[in-house]
Amino acid sequence: MALGETLGEVRGKVTAMRVLPDGKMEVSQQGTGKVLGSEITEVVTYWIAMRPNGTAYAEGQQIIMSSDGSAVWKGSGVGKPTGQGGWKYAYAGAFQTVASQKWGRLLDVHIVGEYDVDENGNYHWKGWEWKY
């Protein structure tokens, strides 16, 4: 297995956080960037569960939208604090639906990547195709 091409990169801002009844935290965010060369806007919601060793496990979903269409992604990740109030995650997931001819190949790949969020709620992610 190997990493293939970069599929996308986005920057944005956390827009809301709330504590769920089960002790997890829910995060919503919005950003802009590129996926397969298309300028996109994304909306993301994920939940985080803290683990006894100080790391976090998260699961979430994203919708991306552009003039080329839309797509829905679901995935999970594991994160650790950066020491400066932010977090760094490694994530993996796949697109569930794609309503765009240009992005059709996203249904054929698994995506792995890095997600960083700073102490001010600014985030950045980059994702690569996981070739098998």
C-alpha atoms as a PDB file:
ATOM      1  CA  MET A   1       0.000   0.000   0.000  1.00  0.00           C
ATOM      2  CA  ALA A   2       1.160   3.504  -0.770  1.00  0.00           C
ATOM      3  CA  LEU A   3      -0.024   7.074  -0.780  1.00  0.00           C
ATOM      4  CA  GLY A   4      -1.154   8.390  -4.139  1.00  0.00           C
ATOM      5  CA  GLU A   5      -1.879  11.921  -5.253  1.00  0.00           C
ATOM      6  CA  THR A   6      -3.070  14.724  -3.015  1.00  0.00           C
ATOM      7  CA  LEU A   7      -6.876  14.794  -3.344  1.00  0.00           C
ATOM      8  CA  GLY A   8      -7.604  17.952  -1.414  1.00  0.00           C
ATOM      9  CA  GLU A   9      -6.623  20.646   1.035  1.00  0.00           C
ATOM     10  CA  VAL A  10      -8.863  22.983   3.054  1.00  0.00           C
ATOM     11  CA  ARG A  11      -8.511  25.752   5.641  1.00  0.00           C
ATOM     12  CA  GLY A  12     -11.302  27.053   7.814  1.00  0.00           C
ATOM     13  CA  LYS A  13     -12.693  27.862  11.244  1.00  0.00           C
ATOM     14  CA  VAL A  14     -14.457  25.936  13.996  1.00  0.00           C
ATOM     15  CA  THR A  15     -17.929  27.499  14.199  1.00  0.00           C
ATOM     16  CA  ALA A  16     -19.495  25.694  17.180  1.00  0.00           C
ATOM     17  CA  MET A  17     -18.731  23.251  19.991  1.00  0.00           C
ATOM     18  CA  ARG A  18     -21.047  21.534  22.444  1.00  0.00           C
ATOM     19  CA  VAL A  19     -20.873  18.774  25.030  1.00  0.00           C
ATOM     20  CA  LEU A  20     -23.042  15.757  24.246  1.00  0.00           C
ATOM     21  CA  PRO A  21     -24.964  13.835  26.953  1.00  0.00           C
ATOM     22  CA  ASP A  22     -22.518  10.906  26.731  1.00  0.00           C
ATOM     23  CA  GLY A  23     -19.522  13.134  27.571  1.00  0.00           C
ATOM     24  CA  LYS A  24     -18.277  13.444  24.004  1.00  0.00           C
ATOM     25  CA  MET A  25     -17.771  16.832  22.401  1.00  0.00           C
ATOM     26  CA  GLU A  26     -19.365  17.799  19.083  1.00  0.00           C
ATOM     27  CA  VAL A  27     -17.548  20.214  16.777  1.00  0.00           C
ATOM     28  CA  SER A  28     -18.850  22.001  13.676  1.00  0.00           C
ATOM     29  CA  GLN A  29     -16.658  23.834  11.209  1.00  0.00           C
ATOM     30  CA  GLN A  30     -16.676  25.502   7.803  1.00  0.00           C
ATOM     31  CA  GLY A  31     -13.870  26.045   5.340  1.00  0.00           C
ATOM     32  CA  THR A  32     -12.749  26.553   1.767  1.00  0.00           C
ATOM     33  CA  GLY A  33     -10.097  24.947  -0.369  1.00  0.00           C
ATOM     34  CA  LYS A  34      -9.651  22.556  -3.273  1.00  0.00           C
ATOM     35  CA  VAL A  35     -10.648  18.963  -4.003  1.00  0.00           C
ATOM     36  CA  LEU A  36      -9.389  17.447  -7.276  1.00  0.00           C
ATOM     37  CA  GLY A  37      -8.676  20.952  -8.545  1.00  0.00           C
ATOM     38  CA  SER A  38     -12.167  22.327  -7.824  1.00  0.00           C
ATOM     39  CA  GLU A  39     -12.671  25.288  -5.484  1.00  0.00           C
ATOM     40  CA  ILE A  40     -14.927  23.984  -2.717  1.00  0.00           C
ATOM     41  CA  THR A  41     -16.750  25.014   0.422  1.00  0.00           C
ATOM     42  CA  GLU A  42     -17.139  22.419   3.165  1.00  0.00           C
ATOM     43  CA  VAL A  43     -19.305  21.968   6.222  1.00  0.00           C
ATOM     44  CA  VAL A  44     -18.139  19.393   8.769  1.00  0.00           C
ATOM     45  CA  THR A  45     -19.486  17.964  12.016  1.00  0.00           C
ATOM     46  CA  TYR A  46     -17.578  15.494  14.168  1.00  0.00           C
ATOM     47  CA  TRP A  47     -17.580  14.191  17.706  1.00  0.00           C
ATOM     48  CA  ILE A  48     -14.556  13.647  19.923  1.00  0.00           C
ATOM     49  CA  ALA A  49     -14.102  11.198  22.790  1.00  0.00           C
ATOM     50  CA  MET A  50     -11.140  11.675  25.108  1.00  0.00           C
ATOM     51  CA  ARG A  51      -9.162   8.523  25.901  1.00  0.00           C
ATOM     52  CA  PRO A  52      -7.382   7.646  29.168  1.00  0.00           C
ATOM     53  CA  ASN A  53      -3.913   8.191  27.659  1.00  0.00           C
ATOM     54  CA  GLY A  54      -4.664  11.842  26.759  1.00  0.00           C
ATOM     55  CA  THR A  55      -5.343  11.206  23.069  1.00  0.00           C
ATOM     56  CA  ALA A  56      -8.705  11.623  21.350  1.00  0.00           C
ATOM     57  CA  TYR A  57     -10.770   9.480  18.996  1.00  0.00           C
ATOM     58  CA  ALA A  58     -13.092  11.274  16.568  1.00  0.00           C
ATOM     59  CA  GLU A  59     -15.722  10.367  13.970  1.00  0.00           C
ATOM     60  CA  GLY A  60     -17.342  12.751  11.557  1.00  0.00           C
ATOM     61  CA  GLN A  61     -18.870  13.621   8.265  1.00  0.00           C
ATOM     62  CA  GLN A  62     -18.360  16.342   5.711  1.00  0.00           C
ATOM     63  CA  ILE A  63     -20.227  17.730   2.743  1.00  0.00           C
ATOM     64  CA  ILE A  64     -18.275  19.521   0.048  1.00  0.00           C
ATOM     65  CA  MET A  65     -19.952  21.804  -2.460  1.00  0.00           C
ATOM     66  CA  SER A  66     -18.785  23.612  -5.584  1.00  0.00           C
ATOM     67  CA  SER A  67     -19.925  24.551  -9.048  1.00  0.00           C
ATOM     68  CA  ASP A  68     -18.754  21.037 -10.042  1.00  0.00           C
ATOM     69  CA  GLY A  69     -21.208  19.316  -7.673  1.00  0.00           C
ATOM     70  CA  SER A  70     -21.302  17.976  -4.129  1.00  0.00           C
ATOM     71  CA  ALA A  71     -20.056  14.970  -2.163  1.00  0.00           C
ATOM     72  CA  VAL A  72     -20.439  13.468   1.328  1.00  0.00           C
ATOM     73  CA  TRP A  73     -17.469  11.977   3.210  1.00  0.00           C
ATOM     74  CA  LYS A  74     -17.393   9.971   6.457  1.00  0.00           C
ATOM     75  CA  GLY A  75     -14.371   8.990   8.487  1.00  0.00           C
ATOM     76  CA  SER A  76     -12.528   8.784  11.781  1.00  0.00           C
ATOM     77  CA  GLY A  77      -9.249   9.855  13.298  1.00  0.00           C
ATOM     78  CA  VAL A  78      -6.952   9.793  16.286  1.00  0.00           C
ATOM     79  CA  GLY A  79      -5.463  12.977  17.703  1.00  0.00           C
ATOM     80  CA  LYS A  80      -3.090  14.317  20.293  1.00  0.00           C
ATOM     81  CA  PRO A  81      -2.567  17.767  21.786  1.00  0.00           C
ATOM     82  CA  THR A  82       0.185  19.904  20.272  1.00  0.00           C
ATOM     83  CA  GLY A  83       1.169  21.464  23.594  1.00  0.00           C
ATOM     84  CA  GLN A  84       0.100  24.963  22.495  1.00  0.00           C
ATOM     85  CA  GLY A  85      -3.679  24.575  22.843  1.00  0.00           C
ATOM     86  CA  GLY A  86      -4.188  22.885  19.477  1.00  0.00           C
ATOM     87  CA  TRP A  87      -4.590  19.325  18.254  1.00  0.00           C
ATOM     88  CA  LYS A  88      -3.066  17.225  15.474  1.00  0.00           C
ATOM     89  CA  TYR A  89      -5.013  14.292  13.996  1.00  0.00           C
ATOM     90  CA  ALA A  90      -4.383  11.487  11.545  1.00  0.00           C
ATOM     91  CA  TYR A  91      -7.597  10.462   9.797  1.00  0.00           C
ATOM     92  CA  ALA A  92      -8.990   8.028   7.245  1.00  0.00           C
ATOM     93  CA  GLY A  93     -12.332   7.741   5.488  1.00  0.00           C
ATOM     94  CA  ALA A  94     -14.210   7.489   2.240  1.00  0.00           C
ATOM     95  CA  PHE A  95     -16.741   9.401   0.205  1.00  0.00           C
ATOM     96  CA  GLN A  96     -20.223   7.928   0.532  1.00  0.00           C
ATOM     97  CA  THR A  97     -21.945   9.832  -2.275  1.00  0.00           C
ATOM     98  CA  VAL A  98     -20.644  11.988  -5.091  1.00  0.00           C
ATOM     99  CA  ALA A  99     -22.904  14.155  -7.256  1.00  0.00           C
ATOM    100  CA  SER A 100     -20.244  15.316  -9.697  1.00  0.00           C
ATOM    101  CA  GLN A 101     -18.854  13.722 -12.869  1.00  0.00           C
ATOM    102  CA  LYS A 102     -15.505  15.402 -12.219  1.00  0.00           C
ATOM    103  CA  TRP A 103     -15.232  13.795  -8.764  1.00  0.00           C
ATOM    104  CA  GLY A 104     -16.570  10.346  -9.663  1.00  0.00           C
ATOM    105  CA  ARG A 105     -13.260   8.624  -8.903  1.00  0.00           C
ATOM    106  CA  LEU A 106     -13.572   9.669  -5.242  1.00  0.00           C
ATOM    107  CA  LEU A 107     -15.916   6.694  -4.810  1.00  0.00           C
ATOM    108  CA  ASP A 108     -13.032   4.363  -5.755  1.00  0.00           C
ATOM    109  CA  VAL A 109     -10.510   5.493  -3.140  1.00  0.00           C
ATOM    110  CA  HIS A 110      -9.910   5.569   0.585  1.00  0.00           C
ATOM    111  CA  ILE A 111      -8.530   8.864   1.860  1.00  0.00           C
ATOM    112  CA  VAL A 112      -5.931   9.320   4.573  1.00  0.00           C
ATOM    113  CA  GLY A 113      -4.685  12.619   5.830  1.00  0.00           C
ATOM    114  CA  GLU A 114      -3.637  15.087   8.459  1.00  0.00           C
ATOM    115  CA  TYR A 115      -5.888  17.538  10.273  1.00  0.00           C
ATOM    116  CA  ASP A 116      -4.601  20.327  12.526  1.00  0.00           C
ATOM    117  CA  VAL A 117      -6.584  22.775  14.635  1.00  0.00           C
ATOM    118  CA  ASP A 118      -4.964  25.606  16.588  1.00  0.00           C
ATOM    119  CA  GLU A 119      -5.909  27.221  19.905  1.00  0.00           C
ATOM    120  CA  ASN A 120      -8.013  29.822  18.044  1.00  0.00           C
ATOM    121  CA  GLY A 121     -10.151  27.282  16.198  1.00  0.00           C
ATOM    122  CA  ASN A 122      -8.416  27.651  12.832  1.00  0.00           C
ATOM    123  CA  TYR A 123      -8.029  24.348  11.040  1.00  0.00           C
ATOM    124  CA  HIS A 124      -6.225  22.878   8.057  1.00  0.00           C
ATOM    125  CA  TRP A 125      -6.474  19.450   6.501  1.00  0.00           C
ATOM    126  CA  LYS A 126      -4.771  17.706   3.631  1.00  0.00           C
ATOM    127  CA  GLY A 127      -5.817  14.338   2.218  1.00  0.00           C
ATOM    128  CA  TRP A 128      -4.177  11.756  -0.022  1.00  0.00           C
ATOM    129  CA  GLU A 129      -5.446   8.784  -1.972  1.00  0.00           C
ATOM    130  CA  TRP A 130      -4.542   5.488  -0.272  1.00  0.00           C
ATOM    131  CA  LYS A 131      -3.602   3.166  -3.112  1.00  0.00           C
ATOM    132  CA  TYR A 132      -3.995  -0.562  -2.628  1.00  0.00           C
END
